[in-house]
């Protein structure tokens, strides 16, 4: 049983050890690496290329690891959830696209019908049929097609949701760092 527990701990700890932190500063500089030491006023970060840099704590705004964001400015810890809303927006895109094509067909039918009535009556281009709904059908077709394209774009775009997990209380002393979460 001890071997199974040890193997499970190793399996769950390897991603934590291999994952890289992303440190975002106030100047929007992003450093990717591991925080190796927290000093009194600085973070010591080993970058992915192996170099070690010192970043002042006053300049750091966020620390991002996997799906967790530590926002040091606001003192809140977030869990980031990324999803792709395929199904609802694809159904909406298909429905509005079909409606748009139907309205374009209705526009063509109503326009042909109005032109046939004008030709049958022997009237020229100045003739306007007040019952002609072809322009309304054209407008509905254009708007619903644009709506269909927009919803298709949203369906393929990943959405990020930041869920606040609690406040961070970070207290630092010369030899230790304590982190408390308040819900």
N, C-alpha and C. Protein backbone atom coordinates (compact mmCIF):
# COMPACT_ATOMS: atom_id res chain seq x y z
N UNK A 1 0.81 -1.19 0.00
CA UNK A 1 0.00 0.00 0.00
C UNK A 1 0.86 1.26 0.00
N UNK A 2 2.00 1.18 0.71
CA UNK A 2 2.89 2.32 0.76
C UNK A 2 3.49 2.61 -0.61
N UNK A 3 3.75 1.55 -1.37
CA UNK A 3 4.31 1.74 -2.71
C UNK A 3 3.29 2.42 -3.62
N UNK A 4 2.04 2.01 -3.52
CA UNK A 4 0.99 2.62 -4.34
C UNK A 4 0.83 4.09 -3.99
N UNK A 5 0.85 4.39 -2.70
CA UNK A 5 0.75 5.78 -2.26
C UNK A 5 1.93 6.60 -2.77
N UNK A 6 3.12 6.03 -2.68
CA UNK A 6 4.31 6.74 -3.16
C UNK A 6 4.24 6.99 -4.66
N UNK A 7 3.79 6.00 -5.41
CA UNK A 7 3.66 6.16 -6.86
C UNK A 7 2.63 7.23 -7.20
N UNK A 8 1.50 7.23 -6.49
CA UNK A 8 0.47 8.24 -6.74
C UNK A 8 0.97 9.64 -6.40
N UNK A 9 1.71 9.77 -5.31
CA UNK A 9 2.27 11.08 -4.95
C UNK A 9 3.24 11.54 -6.02
N UNK A 10 4.08 10.64 -6.51
CA UNK A 10 5.04 11.00 -7.56
C UNK A 10 4.31 11.41 -8.83
N UNK A 11 3.28 10.66 -9.19
CA UNK A 11 2.53 10.98 -10.41
C UNK A 11 1.88 12.36 -10.30
N UNK A 12 1.35 12.69 -9.13
CA UNK A 12 0.69 13.99 -8.98
C UNK A 12 1.68 15.13 -8.76
N UNK A 13 2.88 14.84 -8.28
CA UNK A 13 3.86 15.89 -8.03
C UNK A 13 4.69 16.25 -9.26
N UNK A 14 4.85 15.32 -10.20
CA UNK A 14 5.65 15.59 -11.40
C UNK A 14 5.12 16.78 -12.19
N UNK A 15 3.82 16.87 -12.46
CA UNK A 15 3.35 18.07 -13.18
C UNK A 15 3.59 19.36 -12.40
N UNK A 16 3.51 19.30 -11.08
CA UNK A 16 3.77 20.50 -10.28
C UNK A 16 5.24 20.91 -10.38
N UNK A 17 6.11 19.93 -10.42
CA UNK A 17 7.53 20.24 -10.51
C UNK A 17 7.93 20.71 -11.90
N UNK A 18 7.28 20.18 -12.92
CA UNK A 18 7.64 20.54 -14.29
C UNK A 18 6.91 21.78 -14.80
N UNK A 19 5.84 22.17 -14.14
CA UNK A 19 5.08 23.32 -14.63
C UNK A 19 5.85 24.60 -14.36
N UNK A 20 5.69 25.54 -15.25
CA UNK A 20 6.39 26.81 -15.15
C UNK A 20 5.44 27.90 -14.66
N UNK A 21 5.98 28.80 -13.86
CA UNK A 21 5.22 29.96 -13.43
C UNK A 21 5.37 31.04 -14.48
N UNK A 22 4.35 31.85 -14.62
CA UNK A 22 4.43 33.04 -15.46
C UNK A 22 4.26 34.23 -14.53
N UNK A 23 5.28 35.07 -14.45
CA UNK A 23 5.25 36.24 -13.58
C UNK A 23 5.01 37.45 -14.46
N UNK A 24 3.95 38.21 -14.13
CA UNK A 24 3.58 39.40 -14.89
C UNK A 24 3.92 40.61 -14.03
N UNK A 25 4.67 41.56 -14.62
CA UNK A 25 5.05 42.76 -13.88
C UNK A 25 4.13 43.92 -14.25
N UNK A 26 4.32 45.03 -13.57
CA UNK A 26 3.50 46.23 -13.84
C UNK A 26 3.75 46.78 -15.24
N UNK A 27 4.91 46.50 -15.80
CA UNK A 27 5.24 46.96 -17.15
C UNK A 27 4.76 46.00 -18.22
N UNK A 28 3.94 45.01 -17.84
CA UNK A 28 3.43 43.96 -18.72
C UNK A 28 4.54 43.09 -19.30
N UNK A 29 5.64 42.97 -18.59
CA UNK A 29 6.68 42.01 -18.96
C UNK A 29 6.28 40.66 -18.39
N UNK A 30 6.42 39.63 -19.19
CA UNK A 30 6.07 38.27 -18.76
C UNK A 30 7.35 37.44 -18.70
N UNK A 31 7.58 36.86 -17.54
CA UNK A 31 8.73 35.99 -17.34
C UNK A 31 8.20 34.59 -17.09
N UNK A 32 8.71 33.63 -17.84
CA UNK A 32 8.29 32.24 -17.70
C UNK A 32 9.42 31.45 -17.07
N UNK A 33 9.15 30.85 -15.95
CA UNK A 33 10.15 30.06 -15.24
C UNK A 33 9.61 29.63 -13.90
N UNK A 34 10.51 29.24 -13.00
CA UNK A 34 10.11 28.79 -11.66
C UNK A 34 10.59 29.81 -10.63
N UNK A 35 9.73 30.10 -9.66
CA UNK A 35 10.15 30.91 -8.53
C UNK A 35 10.95 29.98 -7.61
N UNK A 36 12.25 30.26 -7.51
CA UNK A 36 13.10 29.35 -6.73
C UNK A 36 13.31 29.85 -5.30
N UNK A 37 13.21 31.16 -5.09
CA UNK A 37 13.39 31.68 -3.74
C UNK A 37 12.63 32.98 -3.60
N UNK A 38 12.02 33.15 -2.45
CA UNK A 38 11.33 34.40 -2.14
C UNK A 38 12.16 35.11 -1.08
N UNK A 39 12.74 36.24 -1.50
CA UNK A 39 13.56 37.02 -0.59
C UNK A 39 12.69 38.07 0.10
N UNK A 40 13.30 38.94 0.90
CA UNK A 40 12.52 39.92 1.65
C UNK A 40 11.78 40.88 0.73
N UNK A 41 12.43 41.39 -0.29
CA UNK A 41 11.81 42.36 -1.19
C UNK A 41 11.82 41.91 -2.65
N UNK A 42 12.26 40.68 -2.92
CA UNK A 42 12.43 40.24 -4.30
C UNK A 42 11.98 38.79 -4.47
N UNK A 43 11.74 38.46 -5.74
CA UNK A 43 11.53 37.07 -6.14
C UNK A 43 12.74 36.64 -6.96
N UNK A 44 13.31 35.48 -6.66
CA UNK A 44 14.37 34.91 -7.48
C UNK A 44 13.70 33.91 -8.42
N UNK A 45 13.84 34.15 -9.73
CA UNK A 45 13.15 33.34 -10.73
C UNK A 45 14.19 32.72 -11.66
N UNK A 46 14.09 31.40 -11.83
CA UNK A 46 14.93 30.71 -12.80
C UNK A 46 14.12 30.57 -14.07
N UNK A 47 14.55 31.25 -15.13
CA UNK A 47 13.82 31.25 -16.40
C UNK A 47 13.98 29.92 -17.11
N UNK A 48 13.19 29.74 -18.15
CA UNK A 48 13.21 28.48 -18.90
C UNK A 48 14.56 28.22 -19.56
N UNK A 49 15.29 29.29 -19.91
CA UNK A 49 16.59 29.10 -20.56
C UNK A 49 17.71 28.86 -19.55
N UNK A 50 17.41 28.89 -18.24
CA UNK A 50 18.40 28.57 -17.22
C UNK A 50 18.97 29.76 -16.49
N UNK A 51 18.71 30.96 -16.95
CA UNK A 51 19.24 32.14 -16.27
C UNK A 51 18.37 32.46 -15.05
N UNK A 52 19.01 33.02 -14.05
CA UNK A 52 18.32 33.41 -12.82
C UNK A 52 18.24 34.92 -12.78
N UNK A 53 17.03 35.43 -12.55
CA UNK A 53 16.85 36.88 -12.45
C UNK A 53 16.15 37.20 -11.13
N UNK A 54 16.33 38.43 -10.70
CA UNK A 54 15.69 38.92 -9.48
C UNK A 54 14.64 39.95 -9.89
N UNK A 55 13.40 39.73 -9.45
CA UNK A 55 12.31 40.65 -9.77
C UNK A 55 11.83 41.26 -8.45
N UNK A 56 11.80 42.60 -8.35
CA UNK A 56 11.29 43.22 -7.12
C UNK A 56 9.82 42.91 -6.90
N UNK A 57 9.44 42.68 -5.65
CA UNK A 57 8.05 42.33 -5.33
C UNK A 57 7.09 43.46 -5.66
N UNK A 58 7.55 44.68 -5.58
CA UNK A 58 6.66 45.81 -5.86
C UNK A 58 6.26 45.87 -7.33
N UNK A 59 7.06 45.26 -8.21
CA UNK A 59 6.75 45.29 -9.64
C UNK A 59 5.88 44.12 -10.09
N UNK A 60 5.77 43.08 -9.28
CA UNK A 60 5.01 41.89 -9.67
C UNK A 60 3.52 42.13 -9.41
N UNK A 61 2.70 41.89 -10.44
CA UNK A 61 1.25 42.04 -10.28
C UNK A 61 0.54 40.69 -10.23
N UNK A 62 0.99 39.72 -11.03
CA UNK A 62 0.33 38.42 -11.07
C UNK A 62 1.36 37.30 -11.16
N UNK A 63 1.01 36.19 -10.56
CA UNK A 63 1.77 34.95 -10.72
C UNK A 63 0.78 33.92 -11.23
N UNK A 64 1.08 33.34 -12.39
CA UNK A 64 0.16 32.40 -13.04
C UNK A 64 0.83 31.03 -13.07
N UNK A 65 0.13 30.04 -12.56
CA UNK A 65 0.61 28.65 -12.64
C UNK A 65 -0.57 27.78 -13.03
N UNK A 66 -0.42 27.07 -14.14
CA UNK A 66 -1.47 26.20 -14.69
C UNK A 66 -2.77 26.98 -14.82
N UNK A 67 -3.77 26.67 -14.03
CA UNK A 67 -5.07 27.34 -14.13
C UNK A 67 -5.34 28.26 -12.95
N UNK A 68 -4.32 28.59 -12.19
CA UNK A 68 -4.50 29.44 -11.01
C UNK A 68 -3.73 30.74 -11.20
N UNK A 69 -4.42 31.85 -10.94
CA UNK A 69 -3.81 33.18 -11.03
C UNK A 69 -3.81 33.78 -9.63
N UNK A 70 -2.64 34.17 -9.16
CA UNK A 70 -2.53 34.91 -7.91
C UNK A 70 -2.39 36.38 -8.27
N UNK A 71 -3.43 37.15 -8.03
CA UNK A 71 -3.42 38.58 -8.34
C UNK A 71 -2.96 39.31 -7.08
N UNK A 72 -1.71 39.77 -7.09
CA UNK A 72 -1.13 40.38 -5.90
C UNK A 72 -1.60 41.81 -5.70
N UNK A 73 -2.07 42.48 -6.75
CA UNK A 73 -2.58 43.84 -6.60
C UNK A 73 -3.89 43.85 -5.82
N UNK A 74 -4.81 42.99 -6.21
CA UNK A 74 -6.12 42.96 -5.56
C UNK A 74 -6.16 41.98 -4.40
N UNK A 75 -5.17 41.12 -4.30
CA UNK A 75 -5.12 40.15 -3.21
C UNK A 75 -6.14 39.03 -3.36
N UNK A 76 -6.42 38.64 -4.60
CA UNK A 76 -7.42 37.59 -4.85
C UNK A 76 -6.78 36.47 -5.66
N UNK A 77 -7.17 35.26 -5.34
CA UNK A 77 -6.71 34.08 -6.07
C UNK A 77 -7.84 33.65 -7.00
N UNK A 78 -7.52 33.43 -8.28
CA UNK A 78 -8.51 33.06 -9.28
C UNK A 78 -8.21 31.67 -9.84
N UNK A 79 -9.26 30.98 -10.20
CA UNK A 79 -9.15 29.74 -10.96
C UNK A 79 -9.67 30.05 -12.36
N UNK A 80 -8.86 29.81 -13.39
CA UNK A 80 -9.24 30.12 -14.76
C UNK A 80 -9.75 28.86 -15.43
N UNK A 81 -10.94 28.97 -15.97
CA UNK A 81 -11.56 27.84 -16.66
C UNK A 81 -11.70 28.21 -18.13
N UNK A 82 -11.13 27.40 -19.00
CA UNK A 82 -11.21 27.66 -20.44
C UNK A 82 -12.15 26.65 -21.07
N UNK A 83 -13.11 27.17 -21.82
CA UNK A 83 -14.08 26.31 -22.49
C UNK A 83 -14.32 26.81 -23.90
N UNK A 84 -14.81 25.91 -24.71
CA UNK A 84 -15.23 26.26 -26.07
C UNK A 84 -16.72 25.95 -26.18
N UNK A 85 -17.54 26.98 -26.33
CA UNK A 85 -18.99 26.76 -26.37
C UNK A 85 -19.46 26.31 -27.74
N UNK A 86 -19.03 25.12 -28.17
CA UNK A 86 -19.34 24.65 -29.51
C UNK A 86 -20.84 24.52 -29.77
N UNK A 87 -21.47 23.67 -29.03
CA UNK A 87 -22.82 23.23 -29.37
C UNK A 87 -23.86 24.35 -29.40
N UNK A 88 -24.02 25.16 -28.36
CA UNK A 88 -25.10 26.15 -28.43
C UNK A 88 -24.89 27.18 -29.54
N UNK A 89 -23.65 27.63 -29.72
CA UNK A 89 -23.42 28.66 -30.72
C UNK A 89 -23.40 28.09 -32.14
N UNK A 90 -23.01 26.82 -32.30
CA UNK A 90 -23.10 26.22 -33.63
C UNK A 90 -24.56 26.01 -34.04
N UNK A 91 -25.40 25.61 -33.09
CA UNK A 91 -26.83 25.47 -33.39
C UNK A 91 -27.42 26.83 -33.74
N UNK A 92 -27.06 27.86 -32.97
CA UNK A 92 -27.54 29.21 -33.26
C UNK A 92 -27.05 29.69 -34.61
N UNK A 93 -25.79 29.39 -34.94
CA UNK A 93 -25.23 29.79 -36.23
C UNK A 93 -25.95 29.09 -37.37
N UNK A 94 -26.20 27.80 -37.23
CA UNK A 94 -26.90 27.06 -38.29
C UNK A 94 -28.33 27.57 -38.46
N UNK A 95 -29.02 27.82 -37.36
CA UNK A 95 -30.42 28.27 -37.45
C UNK A 95 -30.52 29.65 -38.10
N UNK A 96 -29.66 30.57 -37.69
CA UNK A 96 -29.73 31.91 -38.29
C UNK A 96 -29.22 31.89 -39.72
N UNK A 97 -28.27 31.02 -40.04
CA UNK A 97 -27.82 30.90 -41.43
C UNK A 97 -28.91 30.38 -42.34
N UNK A 98 -29.63 29.37 -41.89
CA UNK A 98 -30.75 28.83 -42.69
C UNK A 98 -31.83 29.89 -42.85
N UNK A 99 -32.12 30.63 -41.77
CA UNK A 99 -33.12 31.70 -41.86
C UNK A 99 -32.67 32.79 -42.83
N UNK A 100 -31.37 33.11 -42.82
CA UNK A 100 -30.84 34.12 -43.74
C UNK A 100 -30.98 33.68 -45.19
N UNK A 101 -30.65 32.42 -45.49
CA UNK A 101 -30.80 31.93 -46.87
C UNK A 101 -32.26 31.90 -47.29
N UNK A 102 -33.15 31.56 -46.36
CA UNK A 102 -34.58 31.56 -46.67
C UNK A 102 -35.05 32.97 -46.99
N UNK A 103 -34.57 33.95 -46.24
CA UNK A 103 -34.98 35.34 -46.49
C UNK A 103 -34.40 35.85 -47.81
N UNK A 104 -33.18 35.43 -48.18
CA UNK A 104 -32.64 35.81 -49.49
C UNK A 104 -33.49 35.22 -50.61
N UNK A 105 -33.95 33.97 -50.43
CA UNK A 105 -34.82 33.35 -51.42
C UNK A 105 -36.16 34.08 -51.49
N UNK A 106 -36.71 34.45 -50.32
CA UNK A 106 -37.96 35.22 -50.30
C UNK A 106 -37.78 36.57 -50.98
N UNK A 107 -36.61 37.19 -50.77
CA UNK A 107 -36.33 38.47 -51.42
C UNK A 107 -36.36 38.31 -52.94
N UNK A 108 -35.70 37.27 -53.43
CA UNK A 108 -35.67 37.05 -54.87
C UNK A 108 -37.08 36.79 -55.41
N UNK A 109 -37.86 35.96 -54.70
CA UNK A 109 -39.23 35.66 -55.15
C UNK A 109 -40.11 36.90 -55.15
N UNK A 110 -40.06 37.69 -54.08
CA UNK A 110 -40.88 38.90 -54.01
C UNK A 110 -40.44 39.94 -55.05
N UNK A 111 -39.15 40.03 -55.29
CA UNK A 111 -38.64 40.98 -56.29
C UNK A 111 -39.09 40.57 -57.69
N UNK A 112 -38.98 39.27 -57.99
CA UNK A 112 -39.45 38.78 -59.30
C UNK A 112 -40.95 38.99 -59.45
N UNK A 113 -41.69 38.77 -58.40
CA UNK A 113 -43.14 38.94 -58.44
C UNK A 113 -43.50 40.42 -58.66
N UNK A 114 -42.80 41.33 -58.00
CA UNK A 114 -43.06 42.76 -58.18
C UNK A 114 -42.68 43.21 -59.58
N UNK A 115 -41.56 42.70 -60.12
CA UNK A 115 -41.15 43.05 -61.48
C UNK A 115 -42.15 42.50 -62.50
N UNK A 116 -42.68 41.31 -62.26
CA UNK A 116 -43.67 40.73 -63.17
C UNK A 116 -44.96 41.54 -63.16
N UNK A 117 -45.39 41.99 -62.00
CA UNK A 117 -46.60 42.83 -61.91
C UNK A 117 -46.39 44.17 -62.62
N UNK A 118 -45.21 44.74 -62.47
CA UNK A 118 -44.92 46.01 -63.12
C UNK A 118 -44.86 45.83 -64.63
N UNK A 119 -44.28 44.73 -65.11
CA UNK A 119 -44.21 44.48 -66.55
C UNK A 119 -45.59 44.17 -67.12
N UNK A 120 -46.40 43.47 -66.35
CA UNK A 120 -47.74 43.12 -66.81
C UNK A 120 -48.62 44.37 -66.91
N UNK A 121 -48.44 45.29 -66.00
CA UNK A 121 -49.23 46.52 -66.03
C UNK A 121 -48.66 47.52 -67.02
N UNK A 122 -47.46 47.27 -67.53
CA UNK A 122 -46.85 48.16 -68.51
C UNK A 122 -46.26 49.41 -67.87
N UNK A 123 -45.92 49.35 -66.60
CA UNK A 123 -45.35 50.50 -65.91
C UNK A 123 -43.83 50.40 -65.95
N UNK A 124 -43.17 51.51 -65.86
CA UNK A 124 -41.72 51.54 -65.94
C UNK A 124 -41.07 51.36 -64.57
N UNK A 125 -39.85 51.84 -64.50
CA UNK A 125 -39.09 51.70 -63.26
C UNK A 125 -39.60 52.64 -62.16
N UNK A 126 -40.38 53.62 -62.53
CA UNK A 126 -40.89 54.56 -61.54
C UNK A 126 -41.98 53.94 -60.67
N UNK A 127 -42.54 52.83 -61.10
CA UNK A 127 -43.64 52.17 -60.39
C UNK A 127 -43.12 51.57 -59.10
N UNK A 128 -43.81 51.87 -58.00
CA UNK A 128 -43.45 51.29 -56.71
C UNK A 128 -44.67 50.58 -56.15
N UNK A 129 -44.49 49.33 -55.84
CA UNK A 129 -45.55 48.55 -55.25
C UNK A 129 -45.44 48.68 -53.73
N UNK A 130 -46.47 49.22 -53.09
CA UNK A 130 -46.42 49.43 -51.65
C UNK A 130 -46.52 48.12 -50.88
N UNK A 131 -47.01 47.08 -51.50
CA UNK A 131 -47.10 45.77 -50.85
C UNK A 131 -45.85 44.93 -51.05
N UNK A 132 -44.84 45.48 -51.71
CA UNK A 132 -43.60 44.75 -51.97
C UNK A 132 -42.79 44.62 -50.67
N UNK A 133 -42.50 43.40 -50.26
CA UNK A 133 -41.76 43.16 -49.03
C UNK A 133 -40.34 42.68 -49.31
N UNK A 134 -39.87 42.89 -50.52
CA UNK A 134 -38.56 42.35 -50.88
C UNK A 134 -37.43 43.05 -50.13
N UNK A 135 -37.57 44.36 -49.89
CA UNK A 135 -36.49 45.08 -49.20
C UNK A 135 -36.41 44.65 -47.73
N UNK A 136 -37.54 44.38 -47.13
CA UNK A 136 -37.54 43.90 -45.75
C UNK A 136 -36.89 42.51 -45.68
N UNK A 137 -37.20 41.66 -46.66
CA UNK A 137 -36.60 40.32 -46.69
C UNK A 137 -35.09 40.41 -46.90
N UNK A 138 -34.66 41.36 -47.73
CA UNK A 138 -33.23 41.54 -47.96
C UNK A 138 -32.54 41.98 -46.67
N UNK A 139 -33.14 42.91 -45.94
CA UNK A 139 -32.55 43.37 -44.67
C UNK A 139 -32.50 42.23 -43.65
N UNK A 140 -33.57 41.45 -43.53
CA UNK A 140 -33.57 40.32 -42.61
C UNK A 140 -32.51 39.29 -43.00
N UNK A 141 -32.35 39.06 -44.30
CA UNK A 141 -31.35 38.11 -44.76
C UNK A 141 -29.93 38.55 -44.43
N UNK A 142 -29.64 39.84 -44.64
CA UNK A 142 -28.30 40.35 -44.36
C UNK A 142 -28.00 40.29 -42.86
N UNK A 143 -28.96 40.75 -42.05
CA UNK A 143 -28.73 40.77 -40.59
C UNK A 143 -28.59 39.36 -40.03
N UNK A 144 -29.43 38.44 -40.46
CA UNK A 144 -29.33 37.09 -39.91
C UNK A 144 -28.07 36.37 -40.40
N UNK A 145 -27.60 36.67 -41.60
CA UNK A 145 -26.35 36.08 -42.07
C UNK A 145 -25.17 36.62 -41.28
N UNK A 146 -25.17 37.91 -40.99
CA UNK A 146 -24.10 38.49 -40.16
C UNK A 146 -24.14 37.90 -38.75
N UNK A 147 -25.33 37.72 -38.22
CA UNK A 147 -25.49 37.11 -36.90
C UNK A 147 -24.99 35.66 -36.90
N UNK A 148 -25.23 34.96 -37.99
CA UNK A 148 -24.77 33.58 -38.12
C UNK A 148 -23.25 33.51 -38.14
N UNK A 149 -22.62 34.41 -38.88
CA UNK A 149 -21.16 34.43 -38.94
C UNK A 149 -20.57 34.78 -37.57
N UNK A 150 -21.18 35.74 -36.88
CA UNK A 150 -20.71 36.12 -35.55
C UNK A 150 -20.83 35.00 -34.54
N UNK A 151 -21.94 34.29 -34.55
CA UNK A 151 -22.11 33.19 -33.60
C UNK A 151 -21.20 32.02 -33.94
N UNK A 152 -20.88 31.82 -35.22
CA UNK A 152 -19.92 30.78 -35.61
C UNK A 152 -18.53 31.13 -35.09
N UNK A 153 -18.17 32.41 -35.16
CA UNK A 153 -16.88 32.87 -34.64
C UNK A 153 -16.80 32.64 -33.13
N UNK A 154 -17.88 32.96 -32.41
CA UNK A 154 -17.89 32.76 -30.96
C UNK A 154 -17.81 31.28 -30.62
N UNK A 155 -18.42 30.42 -31.44
CA UNK A 155 -18.39 28.98 -31.16
C UNK A 155 -16.98 28.42 -31.26
N UNK A 156 -16.15 28.97 -32.11
CA UNK A 156 -14.79 28.45 -32.28
C UNK A 156 -13.77 29.14 -31.38
N UNK A 157 -14.17 30.21 -30.71
CA UNK A 157 -13.27 30.98 -29.88
C UNK A 157 -13.32 30.46 -28.45
N UNK A 158 -12.15 30.23 -27.83
CA UNK A 158 -12.20 29.76 -26.44
C UNK A 158 -12.59 30.90 -25.50
N UNK A 159 -13.44 30.58 -24.55
CA UNK A 159 -13.87 31.56 -23.56
C UNK A 159 -13.16 31.25 -22.24
N UNK A 160 -12.69 32.30 -21.59
CA UNK A 160 -12.04 32.14 -20.29
C UNK A 160 -12.95 32.71 -19.21
N UNK A 161 -13.11 31.96 -18.17
CA UNK A 161 -13.90 32.40 -17.03
C UNK A 161 -12.98 32.40 -15.81
N UNK A 162 -12.86 33.57 -15.15
CA UNK A 162 -12.05 33.68 -13.95
C UNK A 162 -12.96 33.56 -12.74
N UNK A 163 -12.77 32.50 -11.97
CA UNK A 163 -13.59 32.25 -10.79
C UNK A 163 -12.76 32.63 -9.56
N UNK A 164 -13.20 33.63 -8.79
CA UNK A 164 -12.43 33.99 -7.59
C UNK A 164 -12.53 32.89 -6.54
N UNK A 165 -11.38 32.53 -5.98
CA UNK A 165 -11.35 31.44 -5.00
C UNK A 165 -11.22 31.95 -3.57
N UNK A 166 -10.81 33.18 -3.38
CA UNK A 166 -10.68 33.72 -2.04
C UNK A 166 -9.60 34.78 -1.98
N UNK A 167 -9.58 35.50 -0.87
CA UNK A 167 -8.59 36.56 -0.69
C UNK A 167 -7.28 35.95 -0.22
N UNK A 168 -6.19 36.61 -0.59
CA UNK A 168 -4.86 36.16 -0.22
C UNK A 168 -4.34 37.09 0.88
N UNK A 169 -3.84 36.52 1.95
CA UNK A 169 -3.16 37.30 2.98
C UNK A 169 -1.72 36.80 2.99
N UNK A 170 -0.83 37.60 2.44
CA UNK A 170 0.55 37.19 2.30
C UNK A 170 1.38 37.95 3.32
N UNK A 171 1.93 37.26 4.29
CA UNK A 171 2.80 37.91 5.27
C UNK A 171 4.19 37.31 5.15
N UNK A 172 5.19 38.18 5.13
CA UNK A 172 6.55 37.73 4.91
C UNK A 172 7.44 38.16 6.07
N UNK A 173 8.31 37.27 6.45
CA UNK A 173 9.32 37.58 7.45
C UNK A 173 10.66 37.21 6.84
N UNK A 174 11.72 37.42 7.60
CA UNK A 174 13.05 37.17 7.05
C UNK A 174 13.25 35.72 6.65
N UNK A 175 12.69 34.77 7.38
CA UNK A 175 12.98 33.37 7.12
C UNK A 175 11.80 32.60 6.56
N UNK A 176 10.60 33.15 6.60
CA UNK A 176 9.46 32.35 6.16
C UNK A 176 8.42 33.23 5.48
N UNK A 177 7.60 32.56 4.72
CA UNK A 177 6.48 33.21 4.05
C UNK A 177 5.23 32.42 4.41
N UNK A 178 4.23 33.12 4.88
CA UNK A 178 2.98 32.42 5.19
C UNK A 178 1.88 32.97 4.29
N UNK A 179 1.04 32.09 3.85
CA UNK A 179 -0.03 32.44 2.93
C UNK A 179 -1.33 31.93 3.53
N UNK A 180 -2.28 32.84 3.70
CA UNK A 180 -3.58 32.45 4.25
C UNK A 180 -4.66 32.84 3.25
N UNK A 181 -5.63 31.95 3.07
CA UNK A 181 -6.75 32.22 2.18
C UNK A 181 -8.00 32.43 3.02
N UNK A 182 -8.73 33.49 2.72
CA UNK A 182 -9.97 33.80 3.42
C UNK A 182 -11.12 33.70 2.45
N UNK A 183 -12.18 32.99 2.81
CA UNK A 183 -13.34 32.81 1.94
C UNK A 183 -14.51 33.58 2.48
